[in-house]
Amino acid sequence: TGVWQGWGVRTLQRIRKNSFVMEYVGEIITSEEAERRGQVYDRQGATYLFDLDYVEDVYTVDAAHYGNISHFVNHSCDPNLQVYNVFIENLDQRLPRIALFATRPIRAGEELTFDYNMH
């Protein structure tokens, strides 16, 4: 018996350690709206909410309707990507951009993953 992990994303080429891989992109909504949508998404069995709680929990990125391939990246307890908050053309610490970087060399064809329960 296997465990379904969603769609998943595999790289077509080798990725070097510490390389920028992608940005997690979506609609920026308030945390209150994220709570409301999260209840709906939980009933549907899929959610693409990413809290922007770098300083305070005010905003969330929702990639359910607007986004890129990053919302198909699955969770792993032994991920090959690490999430970093970055600030580009914006100094509001409540609105970081979410950048995914390689934690190690990644082989072509390997699934890309990050830890959803990061600290």
C-alpha atoms as a PDB file:
ATOM      1  CA  THR A   1       0.000   0.000   0.000  1.00  0.00           C
ATOM      2  CA  GLY A   2       1.385   3.390  -0.950  1.00  0.00           C
ATOM      3  CA  VAL A   3       0.712   6.864   0.320  1.00  0.00           C
ATOM      4  CA  TRP A   4      -0.652   9.460  -2.112  1.00  0.00           C
ATOM      5  CA  GLN A   5       1.499  12.593  -2.016  1.00  0.00           C
ATOM      6  CA  GLY A   6      -0.269  14.883  -4.427  1.00  0.00           C
ATOM      7  CA  TRP A   7       1.120  15.919  -7.793  1.00  0.00           C
ATOM      8  CA  GLY A   8       4.753  16.506  -6.935  1.00  0.00           C
ATOM      9  CA  VAL A   9       7.439  18.330  -8.895  1.00  0.00           C
ATOM     10  CA  ARG A  10      10.559  16.777 -10.389  1.00  0.00           C
ATOM     11  CA  THR A  11      13.505  18.737 -11.705  1.00  0.00           C
ATOM     12  CA  LEU A  12      14.544  18.281 -15.319  1.00  0.00           C
ATOM     13  CA  GLN A  13      18.146  19.227 -14.642  1.00  0.00           C
ATOM     14  CA  ARG A  14      20.743  18.948 -11.920  1.00  0.00           C
ATOM     15  CA  ILE A  15      20.545  21.656  -9.239  1.00  0.00           C
ATOM     16  CA  ARG A  16      23.588  22.734  -7.244  1.00  0.00           C
ATOM     17  CA  LYS A  17      23.552  23.007  -3.449  1.00  0.00           C
ATOM     18  CA  ASN A  18      22.504  26.478  -2.177  1.00  0.00           C
ATOM     19  CA  SER A  19      21.004  27.438  -5.565  1.00  0.00           C
ATOM     20  CA  PHE A  20      17.774  29.410  -5.758  1.00  0.00           C
ATOM     21  CA  VAL A  21      15.156  27.035  -7.176  1.00  0.00           C
ATOM     22  CA  MET A  22      11.811  28.878  -7.132  1.00  0.00           C
ATOM     23  CA  GLU A  23       9.569  31.323  -5.318  1.00  0.00           C
ATOM     24  CA  TYR A  24       6.332  30.234  -3.648  1.00  0.00           C
ATOM     25  CA  VAL A  25       3.821  32.540  -5.348  1.00  0.00           C
ATOM     26  CA  GLY A  26       0.138  33.198  -4.740  1.00  0.00           C
ATOM     27  CA  GLU A  27      -2.510  35.658  -3.671  1.00  0.00           C
ATOM     28  CA  ILE A  28      -1.637  37.629  -0.521  1.00  0.00           C
ATOM     29  CA  ILE A  29      -4.582  37.570   1.872  1.00  0.00           C
ATOM     30  CA  THR A  30      -5.128  38.422   5.541  1.00  0.00           C
ATOM     31  CA  SER A  31      -4.702  35.725   8.146  1.00  0.00           C
ATOM     32  CA  GLU A  32      -8.418  36.048   8.964  1.00  0.00           C
ATOM     33  CA  GLU A  33      -9.321  35.282   5.337  1.00  0.00           C
ATOM     34  CA  ALA A  34      -6.832  32.399   5.387  1.00  0.00           C
ATOM     35  CA  GLU A  35      -8.642  30.890   8.387  1.00  0.00           C
ATOM     36  CA  ARG A  36     -11.956  31.063   6.503  1.00  0.00           C
ATOM     37  CA  ARG A  37     -10.511  29.599   3.296  1.00  0.00           C
ATOM     38  CA  GLY A  38      -8.548  27.007   5.246  1.00  0.00           C
ATOM     39  CA  GLN A  39     -11.773  25.492   6.589  1.00  0.00           C
ATOM     40  CA  VAL A  40     -13.090  25.150   3.030  1.00  0.00           C
ATOM     41  CA  TYR A  41      -9.789  23.724   1.756  1.00  0.00           C
ATOM     42  CA  ASP A  42      -9.660  21.213   4.628  1.00  0.00           C
ATOM     43  CA  ARG A  43     -13.061  19.868   3.561  1.00  0.00           C
ATOM     44  CA  GLN A  44     -11.763  19.583  -0.009  1.00  0.00           C
ATOM     45  CA  GLY A  45      -8.638  17.765   1.162  1.00  0.00           C
ATOM     46  CA  ALA A  46      -6.060  20.191  -0.280  1.00  0.00           C
ATOM     47  CA  THR A  47      -4.638  23.506   0.851  1.00  0.00           C
ATOM     48  CA  TYR A  48      -2.020  25.835  -0.578  1.00  0.00           C
ATOM     49  CA  LEU A  49      -1.841  28.342   2.285  1.00  0.00           C
ATOM     50  CA  PHE A  50       1.583  29.575   3.427  1.00  0.00           C
ATOM     51  CA  ASP A  51       1.647  31.858   6.480  1.00  0.00           C
ATOM     52  CA  LEU A  52       3.884  34.917   6.297  1.00  0.00           C
ATOM     53  CA  ASP A  53       4.600  34.936  10.014  1.00  0.00           C
ATOM     54  CA  TYR A  54       8.204  36.133   9.896  1.00  0.00           C
ATOM     55  CA  VAL A  55       7.483  38.977  12.361  1.00  0.00           C
ATOM     56  CA  GLU A  56       3.774  38.787  13.057  1.00  0.00           C
ATOM     57  CA  ASP A  57       0.939  36.657  11.716  1.00  0.00           C
ATOM     58  CA  VAL A  58      -0.887  39.199   9.535  1.00  0.00           C
ATOM     59  CA  TYR A  59      -0.728  37.825   5.980  1.00  0.00           C
ATOM     60  CA  THR A  60      -0.833  34.484   4.197  1.00  0.00           C
ATOM     61  CA  VAL A  61      -0.029  33.437   0.643  1.00  0.00           C
ATOM     62  CA  ASP A  62      -2.835  31.413  -0.970  1.00  0.00           C
ATOM     63  CA  ALA A  63      -1.635  29.569  -4.086  1.00  0.00           C
ATOM     64  CA  ALA A  64      -4.919  27.736  -4.697  1.00  0.00           C
ATOM     65  CA  HIS A  65      -6.065  29.976  -7.564  1.00  0.00           C
ATOM     66  CA  TYR A  66      -3.021  32.101  -8.411  1.00  0.00           C
ATOM     67  CA  GLY A  67       0.517  30.800  -8.321  1.00  0.00           C
ATOM     68  CA  ASN A  68       3.156  28.780 -10.057  1.00  0.00           C
ATOM     69  CA  ILE A  69       4.482  25.237  -9.989  1.00  0.00           C
ATOM     70  CA  SER A  70       5.690  25.707  -6.407  1.00  0.00           C
ATOM     71  CA  HIS A  71       2.278  24.826  -4.985  1.00  0.00           C
ATOM     72  CA  PHE A  72       2.761  21.269  -6.276  1.00  0.00           C
ATOM     73  CA  VAL A  73       5.973  20.751  -4.256  1.00  0.00           C
ATOM     74  CA  ASN A  74       5.328  18.064  -1.638  1.00  0.00           C
ATOM     75  CA  HIS A  75       6.322  17.803   2.019  1.00  0.00           C
ATOM     76  CA  SER A  76       9.220  15.687   3.228  1.00  0.00           C
ATOM     77  CA  CYS A  77      10.815  15.195   6.643  1.00  0.00           C
ATOM     78  CA  ASP A  78      14.105  14.906   4.708  1.00  0.00           C
ATOM     79  CA  PRO A  79      13.637  17.727   2.150  1.00  0.00           C
ATOM     80  CA  ASN A  80      16.024  18.878  -0.550  1.00  0.00           C
ATOM     81  CA  LEU A  81      14.713  22.470  -0.438  1.00  0.00           C
ATOM     82  CA  GLN A  82      14.762  25.016   2.392  1.00  0.00           C
ATOM     83  CA  VAL A  83      12.419  27.986   2.725  1.00  0.00           C
ATOM     84  CA  TYR A  84      13.862  31.465   3.253  1.00  0.00           C
ATOM     85  CA  ASN A  85      12.087  34.789   3.667  1.00  0.00           C
ATOM     86  CA  VAL A  86      13.604  37.354   1.323  1.00  0.00           C
ATOM     87  CA  PHE A  87      12.941  41.036   0.828  1.00  0.00           C
ATOM     88  CA  ILE A  88      13.099  42.351  -2.732  1.00  0.00           C
ATOM     89  CA  GLU A  89      11.786  45.828  -3.547  1.00  0.00           C
ATOM     90  CA  ASN A  90      10.013  45.781  -0.181  1.00  0.00           C
ATOM     91  CA  LEU A  91      11.167  46.390   3.396  1.00  0.00           C
ATOM     92  CA  ASP A  92       7.857  45.575   5.118  1.00  0.00           C
ATOM     93  CA  GLN A  93       8.853  42.630   7.322  1.00  0.00           C
ATOM     94  CA  ARG A  94       5.228  41.448   7.345  1.00  0.00           C
ATOM     95  CA  LEU A  95       5.456  40.762   3.582  1.00  0.00           C
ATOM     96  CA  PRO A  96       8.504  38.627   2.819  1.00  0.00           C
ATOM     97  CA  ARG A  97       8.764  36.723  -0.430  1.00  0.00           C
ATOM     98  CA  ILE A  98       9.120  32.969  -0.004  1.00  0.00           C
ATOM     99  CA  ALA A  99      12.240  31.625  -1.715  1.00  0.00           C
ATOM    100  CA  LEU A 100      13.121  27.930  -1.983  1.00  0.00           C
ATOM    101  CA  PHE A 101      16.826  27.028  -2.116  1.00  0.00           C
ATOM    102  CA  ALA A 102      18.523  23.651  -2.586  1.00  0.00           C
ATOM    103  CA  THR A 103      19.905  22.187   0.665  1.00  0.00           C
ATOM    104  CA  ARG A 104      22.114  19.732  -1.223  1.00  0.00           C
ATOM    105  CA  PRO A 105      22.924  18.740  -4.814  1.00  0.00           C
ATOM    106  CA  ILE A 106      19.722  17.519  -6.493  1.00  0.00           C
ATOM    107  CA  ARG A 107      19.845  14.994  -9.339  1.00  0.00           C
ATOM    108  CA  ALA A 108      17.915  15.467 -12.591  1.00  0.00           C
ATOM    109  CA  GLY A 109      14.573  13.672 -12.252  1.00  0.00           C
ATOM    110  CA  GLU A 110      14.519  13.912  -8.452  1.00  0.00           C
ATOM    111  CA  GLU A 111      11.353  15.102  -6.718  1.00  0.00           C
ATOM    112  CA  LEU A 112      11.605  18.543  -5.094  1.00  0.00           C
ATOM    113  CA  THR A 113      10.368  18.718  -1.494  1.00  0.00           C
ATOM    114  CA  PHE A 114      10.392  20.995   1.537  1.00  0.00           C
ATOM    115  CA  ASP A 115       9.364  20.580   5.167  1.00  0.00           C
ATOM    116  CA  TYR A 116       5.875  22.038   5.643  1.00  0.00           C
ATOM    117  CA  ASN A 117       6.479  22.062   9.424  1.00  0.00           C
ATOM    118  CA  MET A 118       9.613  24.197   9.275  1.00  0.00           C
ATOM    119  CA  HIS A 119      10.658  26.307  12.241  1.00  0.00           C
END
